[in-house]
PDB file of all heavy atoms in Angstrom:
ATOM      1  N   LEU A   1      -2.299  -7.760   0.601  1.00  0.00           N
ATOM      2  CA  LEU A   1      -1.734  -6.435   0.855  1.00  0.00           C
ATOM      3  C   LEU A   1      -2.621  -5.331   0.285  1.00  0.00           C
ATOM      4  O   LEU A   1      -2.780  -4.280   0.904  1.00  0.00           O
ATOM      5  CB  LEU A   1      -0.326  -6.320   0.269  1.00  0.00           C
ATOM      6  CG  LEU A   1       0.812  -6.751   1.162  1.00  0.00           C
ATOM      7  CD1 LEU A   1       2.154  -6.583   0.441  1.00  0.00           C
ATOM      8  CD2 LEU A   1       0.832  -6.014   2.470  1.00  0.00           C
ATOM      9  N   LEU A   2      -3.189  -5.575  -0.881  1.00  0.00           N
ATOM     10  CA  LEU A   2      -4.125  -4.599  -1.448  1.00  0.00           C
ATOM     11  C   LEU A   2      -5.329  -4.429  -0.519  1.00  0.00           C
ATOM     12  O   LEU A   2      -5.787  -3.307  -0.272  1.00  0.00           O
ATOM     13  CB  LEU A   2      -4.589  -5.028  -2.842  1.00  0.00           C
ATOM     14  CG  LEU A   2      -3.558  -4.893  -3.953  1.00  0.00           C
ATOM     15  CD1 LEU A   2      -4.027  -5.622  -5.204  1.00  0.00           C
ATOM     16  CD2 LEU A   2      -3.281  -3.432  -4.255  1.00  0.00           C
ATOM     17  N   GLY A   3      -5.833  -5.531   0.026  1.00  0.00           N
ATOM     18  CA  GLY A   3      -6.950  -5.469   0.966  1.00  0.00           C
ATOM     19  C   GLY A   3      -6.587  -4.694   2.223  1.00  0.00           C
ATOM     20  O   GLY A   3      -7.407  -3.932   2.754  1.00  0.00           O
ATOM     21  N   PHE A   4      -5.357  -4.875   2.710  1.00  0.00           N
ATOM     22  CA  PHE A   4      -4.888  -4.129   3.875  1.00  0.00           C
ATOM     23  C   PHE A   4      -4.885  -2.627   3.579  1.00  0.00           C
ATOM     24  O   PHE A   4      -5.339  -1.822   4.397  1.00  0.00           O
ATOM     25  CB  PHE A   4      -3.489  -4.604   4.278  1.00  0.00           C
ATOM     26  CG  PHE A   4      -2.858  -3.782   5.359  1.00  0.00           C
ATOM     27  CD1 PHE A   4      -3.309  -3.876   6.666  1.00  0.00           C
ATOM     28  CD2 PHE A   4      -1.815  -2.915   5.073  1.00  0.00           C
ATOM     29  CE1 PHE A   4      -2.737  -3.106   7.682  1.00  0.00           C
ATOM     30  CE2 PHE A   4      -1.227  -2.156   6.068  1.00  0.00           C
ATOM     31  CZ  PHE A   4      -1.688  -2.245   7.379  1.00  0.00           C
ATOM     32  N   SER A   5      -4.409  -2.246   2.404  1.00  0.00           N
ATOM     33  CA  SER A   5      -4.378  -0.831   2.025  1.00  0.00           C
ATOM     34  C   SER A   5      -5.786  -0.242   1.960  1.00  0.00           C
ATOM     35  O   SER A   5      -6.029   0.870   2.428  1.00  0.00           O
ATOM     36  CB  SER A   5      -3.675  -0.645   0.677  1.00  0.00           C
ATOM     37  OG  SER A   5      -2.343  -1.070   0.763  1.00  0.00           O
ATOM     38  N   VAL A   6      -6.709  -0.990   1.394  1.00  0.00           N
ATOM     39  CA  VAL A   6      -8.102  -0.547   1.319  1.00  0.00           C
ATOM     40  C   VAL A   6      -8.674  -0.380   2.730  1.00  0.00           C
ATOM     41  O   VAL A   6      -9.341   0.616   3.037  1.00  0.00           O
ATOM     42  CB  VAL A   6      -8.958  -1.529   0.484  1.00  0.00           C
ATOM     43  CG1 VAL A   6     -10.437  -1.227   0.623  1.00  0.00           C
ATOM     44  CG2 VAL A   6      -8.531  -1.489  -0.977  1.00  0.00           C
ATOM     45  N   CYS A   7      -8.392  -1.341   3.599  1.00  0.00           N
ATOM     46  CA  CYS A   7      -8.863  -1.266   4.982  1.00  0.00           C
ATOM     47  C   CYS A   7      -8.326  -0.013   5.665  1.00  0.00           C
ATOM     48  O   CYS A   7      -9.058   0.699   6.358  1.00  0.00           O
ATOM     49  CB  CYS A   7      -8.438  -2.519   5.743  1.00  0.00           C
ATOM     50  SG  CYS A   7      -8.993  -2.557   7.462  1.00  0.00           S
ATOM     51  N   MET A   8      -7.038   0.269   5.469  1.00  0.00           N
ATOM     52  CA  MET A   8      -6.440   1.457   6.093  1.00  0.00           C
ATOM     53  C   MET A   8      -7.138   2.722   5.599  1.00  0.00           C
ATOM     54  O   MET A   8      -7.465   3.606   6.402  1.00  0.00           O
ATOM     55  CB  MET A   8      -4.940   1.506   5.802  1.00  0.00           C
ATOM     56  CG  MET A   8      -4.124   0.424   6.488  1.00  0.00           C
ATOM     57  SD  MET A   8      -4.025   0.601   8.288  1.00  0.00           S
ATOM     58  CE  MET A   8      -2.827   1.930   8.422  1.00  0.00           C
ATOM     59  N   ARG A   9      -7.399   2.803   4.302  1.00  0.00           N
ATOM     60  CA  ARG A   9      -8.101   3.981   3.764  1.00  0.00           C
ATOM     61  C   ARG A   9      -9.524   4.058   4.313  1.00  0.00           C
ATOM     62  O   ARG A   9      -9.995   5.134   4.683  1.00  0.00           O
ATOM     63  CB  ARG A   9      -8.113   3.937   2.237  1.00  0.00           C
ATOM     64  CG  ARG A   9      -6.756   4.226   1.626  1.00  0.00           C
ATOM     65  CD  ARG A   9      -6.844   4.468   0.128  1.00  0.00           C
ATOM     66  NE  ARG A   9      -7.305   3.314  -0.616  1.00  0.00           N
ATOM     67  CZ  ARG A   9      -6.512   2.373  -1.135  1.00  0.00           C
ATOM     68  NH1 ARG A   9      -5.199   2.425  -0.954  1.00  0.00           N
ATOM     69  NH2 ARG A   9      -7.024   1.385  -1.828  1.00  0.00           N
ATOM     70  N   ASP A  10     -10.196   2.919   4.366  1.00  0.00           N
ATOM     71  CA  ASP A  10     -11.573   2.884   4.871  1.00  0.00           C
ATOM     72  C   ASP A  10     -11.646   3.299   6.337  1.00  0.00           C
ATOM     73  O   ASP A  10     -12.700   3.703   6.820  1.00  0.00           O
ATOM     74  CB  ASP A  10     -12.183   1.492   4.714  1.00  0.00           C
ATOM     75  CG  ASP A  10     -12.518   1.137   3.278  1.00  0.00           C
ATOM     76  OD1 ASP A  10     -12.489   2.037   2.407  1.00  0.00           O
ATOM     77  OD2 ASP A  10     -12.796  -0.048   3.028  1.00  0.00           O
ATOM     78  N   ASN A  11     -10.511   3.180   7.040  1.00  0.00           N
ATOM     79  CA  ASN A  11     -10.472   3.528   8.458  1.00  0.00           C
ATOM     80  C   ASN A  11      -9.740   4.844   8.718  1.00  0.00           C
ATOM     81  O   ASN A  11      -9.272   5.093   9.828  1.00  0.00           O
ATOM     82  CB  ASN A  11      -9.850   2.380   9.255  1.00  0.00           C
ATOM     83  CG  ASN A  11     -10.841   1.259   9.444  1.00  0.00           C
ATOM     84  OD1 ASN A  11     -11.687   1.316  10.328  1.00  0.00           O
ATOM     85  ND2 ASN A  11     -10.776   0.247   8.593  1.00  0.00           N
ATOM     86  N   GLY A  12      -9.638   5.683   7.695  1.00  0.00           N
ATOM     87  CA  GLY A  12      -9.200   7.062   7.886  1.00  0.00           C
ATOM     88  C   GLY A  12      -7.740   7.374   7.653  1.00  0.00           C
ATOM     89  O   GLY A  12      -7.302   8.494   7.916  1.00  0.00           O
ATOM     90  N   PHE A  13      -6.951   6.416   7.138  1.00  0.00           N
ATOM     91  CA  PHE A  13      -5.550   6.719   6.860  1.00  0.00           C
ATOM     92  C   PHE A  13      -5.307   6.603   5.362  1.00  0.00           C
ATOM     93  O   PHE A  13      -5.572   5.568   4.763  1.00  0.00           O
ATOM     94  CB  PHE A  13      -4.600   5.778   7.613  1.00  0.00           C
ATOM     95  CG  PHE A  13      -3.158   6.160   7.451  1.00  0.00           C
ATOM     96  CD1 PHE A  13      -2.643   7.232   8.148  1.00  0.00           C
ATOM     97  CD2 PHE A  13      -2.335   5.469   6.593  1.00  0.00           C
ATOM     98  CE1 PHE A  13      -1.317   7.615   7.993  1.00  0.00           C
ATOM     99  CE2 PHE A  13      -1.009   5.830   6.424  1.00  0.00           C
ATOM    100  CZ  PHE A  13      -0.504   6.900   7.128  1.00  0.00           C
ATOM    101  N   ASP A  14      -4.795   7.663   4.754  1.00  0.00           N
ATOM    102  CA  ASP A  14      -4.590   7.717   3.309  1.00  0.00           C
ATOM    103  C   ASP A  14      -3.346   6.920   2.924  1.00  0.00           C
ATOM    104  O   ASP A  14      -2.257   7.460   2.825  1.00  0.00           O
ATOM    105  CB  ASP A  14      -4.459   9.164   2.856  1.00  0.00           C
ATOM    106  CG  ASP A  14      -4.403   9.296   1.346  1.00  0.00           C
ATOM    107  OD1 ASP A  14      -4.849   8.363   0.644  1.00  0.00           O
ATOM    108  OD2 ASP A  14      -3.909  10.330   0.868  1.00  0.00           O
ATOM    109  N   MET A  15      -3.523   5.626   2.733  1.00  0.00           N
ATOM    110  CA  MET A  15      -2.426   4.728   2.375  1.00  0.00           C
ATOM    111  C   MET A  15      -2.594   4.321   0.920  1.00  0.00           C
ATOM    112  O   MET A  15      -3.654   3.839   0.524  1.00  0.00           O
ATOM    113  CB  MET A  15      -2.443   3.483   3.263  1.00  0.00           C
ATOM    114  CG  MET A  15      -1.418   2.432   2.861  1.00  0.00           C
ATOM    115  SD  MET A  15      -1.465   0.989   3.943  1.00  0.00           S
ATOM    116  CE  MET A  15      -0.284   1.507   5.169  1.00  0.00           C
ATOM    117  N   PRO A  16      -1.546   4.505   0.097  1.00  0.00           N
ATOM    118  CA  PRO A  16      -1.654   4.067  -1.299  1.00  0.00           C
ATOM    119  C   PRO A  16      -1.617   2.543  -1.382  1.00  0.00           C
ATOM    120  O   PRO A  16      -1.223   1.863  -0.434  1.00  0.00           O
ATOM    121  CB  PRO A  16      -0.410   4.674  -1.949  1.00  0.00           C
ATOM    122  CG  PRO A  16       0.583   4.751  -0.836  1.00  0.00           C
ATOM    123  CD  PRO A  16      -0.227   5.054   0.408  1.00  0.00           C
ATOM    124  N   ASP A  17      -2.007   2.033  -2.529  1.00  0.00           N
ATOM    125  CA  ASP A  17      -1.827   0.599  -2.778  1.00  0.00           C
ATOM    126  C   ASP A  17      -0.336   0.302  -2.795  1.00  0.00           C
ATOM    127  O   ASP A  17       0.476   1.170  -3.150  1.00  0.00           O
ATOM    128  CB  ASP A  17      -2.444   0.205  -4.123  1.00  0.00           C
ATOM    129  CG  ASP A  17      -3.962   0.190  -4.082  1.00  0.00           C
ATOM    130  OD1 ASP A  17      -4.529   0.094  -2.972  1.00  0.00           O
ATOM    131  OD2 ASP A  17      -4.580   0.270  -5.154  1.00  0.00           O
ATOM    132  N   PRO A  18       0.058  -0.906  -2.409  1.00  0.00           N
ATOM    133  CA  PRO A  18       1.479  -1.244  -2.437  1.00  0.00           C
ATOM    134  C   PRO A  18       2.010  -1.193  -3.866  1.00  0.00           C
ATOM    135  O   PRO A  18       1.294  -1.493  -4.816  1.00  0.00           O
ATOM    136  CB  PRO A  18       1.527  -2.665  -1.878  1.00  0.00           C
ATOM    137  CG  PRO A  18       0.161  -3.207  -2.056  1.00  0.00           C
ATOM    138  CD  PRO A  18      -0.770  -2.040  -2.004  1.00  0.00           C
ATOM    139  N   ASP A  19       3.258  -0.789  -4.000  1.00  0.00           N
ATOM    140  CA  ASP A  19       3.907  -0.691  -5.304  1.00  0.00           C
ATOM    141  C   ASP A  19       4.895  -1.846  -5.435  1.00  0.00           C
ATOM    142  O   ASP A  19       6.050  -1.738  -5.030  1.00  0.00           O
ATOM    143  CB  ASP A  19       4.617   0.660  -5.424  1.00  0.00           C
ATOM    144  CG  ASP A  19       5.212   0.888  -6.795  1.00  0.00           C
ATOM    145  OD1 ASP A  19       5.275  -0.064  -7.596  1.00  0.00           O
ATOM    146  OD2 ASP A  19       5.631   2.029  -7.069  1.00  0.00           O
ATOM    147  N   PHE A  20       4.417  -2.957  -5.975  1.00  0.00           N
ATOM    148  CA  PHE A  20       5.237  -4.155  -6.068  1.00  0.00           C
ATOM    149  C   PHE A  20       6.421  -3.966  -7.015  1.00  0.00           C
ATOM    150  O   PHE A  20       7.488  -4.518  -6.779  1.00  0.00           O
ATOM    151  CB  PHE A  20       4.393  -5.363  -6.494  1.00  0.00           C
ATOM    152  CG  PHE A  20       3.334  -5.695  -5.485  1.00  0.00           C
ATOM    153  CD1 PHE A  20       2.015  -5.306  -5.684  1.00  0.00           C
ATOM    154  CD2 PHE A  20       3.656  -6.353  -4.311  1.00  0.00           C
ATOM    155  CE1 PHE A  20       1.040  -5.588  -4.733  1.00  0.00           C
ATOM    156  CE2 PHE A  20       2.692  -6.639  -3.357  1.00  0.00           C
ATOM    157  CZ  PHE A  20       1.377  -6.251  -3.576  1.00  0.00           C
ATOM    158  N   ALA A  21       6.269  -3.157  -8.050  1.00  0.00           N
ATOM    159  CA  ALA A  21       7.375  -2.890  -8.976  1.00  0.00           C
ATOM    160  C   ALA A  21       8.463  -2.075  -8.274  1.00  0.00           C
ATOM    161  O   ALA A  21       9.655  -2.270  -8.512  1.00  0.00           O
ATOM    162  CB  ALA A  21       6.870  -2.158 -10.213  1.00  0.00           C
ATOM    163  N   ASN A  22       8.059  -1.164  -7.401  1.00  0.00           N
ATOM    164  CA  ASN A  22       8.998  -0.316  -6.686  1.00  0.00           C
ATOM    165  C   ASN A  22       9.842  -1.116  -5.697  1.00  0.00           C
ATOM    166  O   ASN A  22      10.960  -0.725  -5.363  1.00  0.00           O
ATOM    167  CB  ASN A  22       8.229   0.786  -5.956  1.00  0.00           C
ATOM    168  CG  ASN A  22       9.099   1.930  -5.521  1.00  0.00           C
ATOM    169  OD1 ASN A  22      10.018   2.322  -6.222  1.00  0.00           O
ATOM    170  ND2 ASN A  22       8.805   2.471  -4.362  1.00  0.00           N
ATOM    171  N   LEU A  23       9.333  -2.239  -5.243  1.00  0.00           N
ATOM    172  CA  LEU A  23      10.037  -3.056  -4.265  1.00  0.00           C
ATOM    173  C   LEU A  23      11.415  -3.471  -4.773  1.00  0.00           C
ATOM    174  O   LEU A  23      12.390  -3.461  -4.023  1.00  0.00           O
ATOM    175  CB  LEU A  23       9.213  -4.289  -3.909  1.00  0.00           C
ATOM    176  CG  LEU A  23       9.830  -5.227  -2.883  1.00  0.00           C
ATOM    177  CD1 LEU A  23       9.950  -4.524  -1.532  1.00  0.00           C
ATOM    178  CD2 LEU A  23       8.986  -6.477  -2.743  1.00  0.00           C
ATOM    179  N   THR A  24      11.522  -3.773  -6.038  1.00  0.00           N
ATOM    180  CA  THR A  24      12.801  -4.243  -6.572  1.00  0.00           C
ATOM    181  C   THR A  24      13.825  -3.119  -6.674  1.00  0.00           C
ATOM    182  O   THR A  24      15.019  -3.375  -6.613  1.00  0.00           O
ATOM    183  CB  THR A  24      12.625  -4.901  -7.957  1.00  0.00           C
ATOM    184  OG1 THR A  24      12.021  -3.972  -8.845  1.00  0.00           O
ATOM    185  CG2 THR A  24      11.786  -6.156  -7.863  1.00  0.00           C
ATOM    186  N   THR A  25      13.393  -1.875  -6.802  1.00  0.00           N
ATOM    187  CA  THR A  25      14.343  -0.772  -6.929  1.00  0.00           C
ATOM    188  C   THR A  25      14.615  -0.062  -5.606  1.00  0.00           C
ATOM    189  O   THR A  25      15.716   0.410  -5.378  1.00  0.00           O
ATOM    190  CB  THR A  25      13.855   0.262  -7.964  1.00  0.00           C
ATOM    191  OG1 THR A  25      12.572   0.740  -7.590  1.00  0.00           O
ATOM    192  CG2 THR A  25      13.803  -0.339  -9.351  1.00  0.00           C
ATOM    193  N   THR A  26      13.617   0.012  -4.720  1.00  0.00           N
ATOM    194  CA  THR A  26      13.797   0.756  -3.466  1.00  0.00           C
ATOM    195  C   THR A  26      13.761  -0.135  -2.227  1.00  0.00           C
ATOM    196  O   THR A  26      14.132   0.306  -1.153  1.00  0.00           O
ATOM    197  CB  THR A  26      12.710   1.830  -3.292  1.00  0.00           C
ATOM    198  OG1 THR A  26      11.450   1.188  -3.103  1.00  0.00           O
ATOM    199  CG2 THR A  26      12.656   2.776  -4.471  1.00  0.00           C
ATOM    200  N   GLY A  27      13.257  -1.348  -2.379  1.00  0.00           N
ATOM    201  CA  GLY A  27      13.103  -2.221  -1.227  1.00  0.00           C
ATOM    202  C   GLY A  27      11.878  -1.888  -0.397  1.00  0.00           C
ATOM    203  O   GLY A  27      11.705  -2.390   0.701  1.00  0.00           O
ATOM    204  N   ARG A  28      10.990  -1.042  -0.919  1.00  0.00           N
ATOM    205  CA  ARG A  28       9.796  -0.636  -0.183  1.00  0.00           C
ATOM    206  C   ARG A  28       8.535  -0.904  -0.997  1.00  0.00           C
ATOM    207  O   ARG A  28       8.493  -0.645  -2.185  1.00  0.00           O
ATOM    208  CB  ARG A  28       9.825   0.860   0.135  1.00  0.00           C
ATOM    209  CG  ARG A  28      10.930   1.255   1.050  1.00  0.00           C
ATOM    210  CD  ARG A  28      10.795   2.745   1.388  1.00  0.00           C
ATOM    211  NE  ARG A  28      11.686   3.105   2.444  1.00  0.00           N
ATOM    212  CZ  ARG A  28      11.453   2.896   3.733  1.00  0.00           C
ATOM    213  NH1 ARG A  28      10.336   2.324   4.102  1.00  0.00           N
ATOM    214  NH2 ARG A  28      12.324   3.248   4.640  1.00  0.00           N
TER     215      ARG A  28
END
């Protein structure tokens, strides 16, 4: 997933790294 985020940024979309800690509180 981190690699996917890097790929998205490298291809012009400002995507943050996934927030695995946030998943438990927000589901995202």
